[in-house]
Amino acid sequence: FQTGKAELEVDKSKAQLTNVAEVMKAFPKLKLKIGGYTDNTGPAAANKKLSGQRAEAVAKALIEMGVAKDRVESEGYGPEHPECPANDTEECKAKNRRIAIRVTAK
């Protein structure tokens, strides 16, 4: 994700989204929780909201690909649990602007 944005970069994420949707179709009892994250730029409350919007964008994309809405939930975590804890370079911050997927039911 770009700084301050919740829009998916379709050219970069389409293959990954397609893979997740195909796995979900192959395993009909599978449920996922999508977590959205931000870097440390900006106020904490804004980052929490933005991370939730990012998670929702991924959930919406999966639903549009045929995954049932009741099989996907989303939540934003802001800058919590960074992939790159230093959060001090553009490359590091880019790693923290991400989505993580957790299986909640098999």
C-alpha atoms as a PDB file:
ATOM      1  CA  PHE A   1       0.000   0.000   0.000  1.00  0.00           C
ATOM      2  CA  GLN A   2       1.087   3.538  -0.608  1.00  0.00           C
ATOM      3  CA  THR A   3       1.500   5.826   2.397  1.00  0.00           C
ATOM      4  CA  GLY A   4      -1.873   7.090   3.593  1.00  0.00           C
ATOM      5  CA  LYS A   5      -3.852   5.018   1.057  1.00  0.00           C
ATOM      6  CA  ALA A   6      -6.133   1.993   1.358  1.00  0.00           C
ATOM      7  CA  GLU A   7      -6.515   1.267  -2.369  1.00  0.00           C
ATOM      8  CA  LEU A   8      -5.150  -2.044  -3.567  1.00  0.00           C
ATOM      9  CA  GLU A   9      -2.461  -1.884  -6.206  1.00  0.00           C
ATOM     10  CA  VAL A  10      -4.208  -4.362  -8.517  1.00  0.00           C
ATOM     11  CA  ASP A  11      -1.187  -5.077 -10.707  1.00  0.00           C
ATOM     12  CA  LYS A  12       0.827  -6.068  -7.624  1.00  0.00           C
ATOM     13  CA  SER A  13      -1.874  -7.936  -5.693  1.00  0.00           C
ATOM     14  CA  LYS A  14      -4.071  -9.684  -8.276  1.00  0.00           C
ATOM     15  CA  ALA A  15      -2.063 -12.941  -8.372  1.00  0.00           C
ATOM     16  CA  GLN A  16      -2.017 -13.203  -4.568  1.00  0.00           C
ATOM     17  CA  LEU A  17      -5.727 -12.435  -4.278  1.00  0.00           C
ATOM     18  CA  THR A  18      -6.513 -15.005  -6.965  1.00  0.00           C
ATOM     19  CA  ASN A  19      -4.486 -17.645  -5.102  1.00  0.00           C
ATOM     20  CA  VAL A  20      -6.304 -16.943  -1.825  1.00  0.00           C
ATOM     21  CA  ALA A  21      -9.715 -17.029  -3.540  1.00  0.00           C
ATOM     22  CA  GLU A  22      -8.872 -20.359  -5.230  1.00  0.00           C
ATOM     23  CA  VAL A  23      -7.790 -21.888  -1.915  1.00  0.00           C
ATOM     24  CA  MET A  24     -11.025 -20.670  -0.317  1.00  0.00           C
ATOM     25  CA  LYS A  25     -13.058 -22.236  -3.139  1.00  0.00           C
ATOM     26  CA  ALA A  26     -11.168 -25.519  -2.768  1.00  0.00           C
ATOM     27  CA  PHE A  27     -11.770 -25.629   0.995  1.00  0.00           C
ATOM     28  CA  PRO A  28     -15.389 -24.525   1.605  1.00  0.00           C
ATOM     29  CA  LYS A  29     -15.139 -24.570   5.420  1.00  0.00           C
ATOM     30  CA  LEU A  30     -12.077 -22.319   5.478  1.00  0.00           C
ATOM     31  CA  LYS A  31     -12.537 -18.913   7.121  1.00  0.00           C
ATOM     32  CA  LEU A  32     -10.019 -16.087   7.235  1.00  0.00           C
ATOM     33  CA  LYS A  33      -9.280 -12.994   9.263  1.00  0.00           C
ATOM     34  CA  ILE A  34      -7.509 -10.289   7.322  1.00  0.00           C
ATOM     35  CA  GLY A  35      -5.358  -7.925   9.351  1.00  0.00           C
ATOM     36  CA  GLY A  36      -4.347  -4.539   7.989  1.00  0.00           C
ATOM     37  CA  TYR A  37      -1.210  -2.685   9.091  1.00  0.00           C
ATOM     38  CA  THR A  38       0.452   0.694   8.604  1.00  0.00           C
ATOM     39  CA  ASP A  39       3.876   2.179   9.108  1.00  0.00           C
ATOM     40  CA  ASN A  40       4.442   4.680  11.934  1.00  0.00           C
ATOM     41  CA  THR A  41       3.756   7.803   9.851  1.00  0.00           C
ATOM     42  CA  GLY A  42       0.922   9.935  11.204  1.00  0.00           C
ATOM     43  CA  PRO A  43      -1.354   9.866  14.264  1.00  0.00           C
ATOM     44  CA  ALA A  44      -2.155   6.512  15.899  1.00  0.00           C
ATOM     45  CA  ALA A  45      -5.936   6.918  15.526  1.00  0.00           C
ATOM     46  CA  ALA A  46      -5.626   7.687  11.811  1.00  0.00           C
ATOM     47  CA  ASN A  47      -3.328   4.683  11.324  1.00  0.00           C
ATOM     48  CA  LYS A  48      -5.797   2.398  13.104  1.00  0.00           C
ATOM     49  CA  LYS A  49      -8.599   3.588  10.819  1.00  0.00           C
ATOM     50  CA  LEU A  50      -6.433   3.332   7.686  1.00  0.00           C
ATOM     51  CA  SER A  51      -5.287  -0.189   8.543  1.00  0.00           C
ATOM     52  CA  GLY A  52      -8.926  -1.231   8.932  1.00  0.00           C
ATOM     53  CA  GLN A  53      -9.731   0.238   5.531  1.00  0.00           C
ATOM     54  CA  ARG A  54      -6.845  -1.722   4.013  1.00  0.00           C
ATOM     55  CA  ALA A  55      -8.100  -4.975   5.526  1.00  0.00           C
ATOM     56  CA  GLU A  56     -11.629  -4.192   4.308  1.00  0.00           C
ATOM     57  CA  ALA A  57     -10.319  -3.524   0.781  1.00  0.00           C
ATOM     58  CA  VAL A  58      -8.769  -6.998   0.658  1.00  0.00           C
ATOM     59  CA  ALA A  59     -11.896  -8.620   2.099  1.00  0.00           C
ATOM     60  CA  LYS A  60     -14.041  -6.812  -0.476  1.00  0.00           C
ATOM     61  CA  ALA A  61     -11.764  -7.942  -3.311  1.00  0.00           C
ATOM     62  CA  LEU A  62     -12.040 -11.575  -2.176  1.00  0.00           C
ATOM     63  CA  ILE A  63     -15.818 -11.301  -1.912  1.00  0.00           C
ATOM     64  CA  GLU A  64     -15.940  -9.851  -5.431  1.00  0.00           C
ATOM     65  CA  MET A  65     -13.943 -12.921  -6.557  1.00  0.00           C
ATOM     66  CA  GLY A  66     -16.680 -15.224  -5.259  1.00  0.00           C
ATOM     67  CA  VAL A  67     -15.731 -15.843  -1.616  1.00  0.00           C
ATOM     68  CA  ALA A  68     -18.781 -15.784   0.673  1.00  0.00           C
ATOM     69  CA  LYS A  69     -18.922 -12.712   2.902  1.00  0.00           C
ATOM     70  CA  ASP A  70     -19.407 -14.793   6.063  1.00  0.00           C
ATOM     71  CA  ARG A  71     -16.046 -16.512   5.494  1.00  0.00           C
ATOM     72  CA  VAL A  72     -13.937 -13.349   5.639  1.00  0.00           C
ATOM     73  CA  GLU A  73     -13.529 -10.878   8.484  1.00  0.00           C
ATOM     74  CA  SER A  74     -11.168  -7.938   8.711  1.00  0.00           C
ATOM     75  CA  GLU A  75      -9.530  -5.783  11.362  1.00  0.00           C
ATOM     76  CA  GLY A  76      -6.997  -2.986  11.424  1.00  0.00           C
ATOM     77  CA  TYR A  77      -4.038  -2.999  13.788  1.00  0.00           C
ATOM     78  CA  GLY A  78      -2.317   0.254  12.825  1.00  0.00           C
ATOM     79  CA  PRO A  79       1.470   0.156  13.278  1.00  0.00           C
ATOM     80  CA  GLU A  80       1.356  -2.776  15.746  1.00  0.00           C
ATOM     81  CA  HIS A  81       3.579  -5.813  15.045  1.00  0.00           C
ATOM     82  CA  PRO A  82       5.811  -4.229  12.372  1.00  0.00           C
ATOM     83  CA  GLU A  83       7.687  -6.446   9.920  1.00  0.00           C
ATOM     84  CA  CYS A  84      10.504  -3.907  10.028  1.00  0.00           C
ATOM     85  CA  PRO A  85      10.598  -2.544  13.610  1.00  0.00           C
ATOM     86  CA  ALA A  86      12.996   0.313  12.849  1.00  0.00           C
ATOM     87  CA  ASN A  87      10.319   2.029  10.709  1.00  0.00           C
ATOM     88  CA  ASP A  88      12.971   4.566   9.696  1.00  0.00           C
ATOM     89  CA  THR A  89      13.451   4.223   5.916  1.00  0.00           C
ATOM     90  CA  GLU A  90      10.999   4.209   3.028  1.00  0.00           C
ATOM     91  CA  GLU A  91      11.861   0.581   2.281  1.00  0.00           C
ATOM     92  CA  CYS A  92      11.284  -0.408   5.903  1.00  0.00           C
ATOM     93  CA  LYS A  93       8.025   1.533   6.132  1.00  0.00           C
ATOM     94  CA  ALA A  94       6.781  -0.068   2.887  1.00  0.00           C
ATOM     95  CA  LYS A  95       7.199  -3.518   4.485  1.00  0.00           C
ATOM     96  CA  ASN A  96       4.945  -2.418   7.341  1.00  0.00           C
ATOM     97  CA  ARG A  97       2.133  -1.222   5.067  1.00  0.00           C
ATOM     98  CA  ARG A  98       0.758  -4.702   4.573  1.00  0.00           C
ATOM     99  CA  ILE A  99      -1.964  -7.268   5.032  1.00  0.00           C
ATOM    100  CA  ALA A 100      -1.659 -10.502   6.995  1.00  0.00           C
ATOM    101  CA  ILE A 101      -4.085 -13.408   6.662  1.00  0.00           C
ATOM    102  CA  ARG A 102      -4.905 -15.821   9.487  1.00  0.00           C
ATOM    103  CA  VAL A 103      -6.998 -18.973   9.167  1.00  0.00           C
ATOM    104  CA  THR A 104      -9.794 -18.926  11.768  1.00  0.00           C
ATOM    105  CA  ALA A 105     -11.628 -22.116  10.737  1.00  0.00           C
ATOM    106  CA  LYS A 106     -10.677 -25.134   8.642  1.00  0.00           C
END
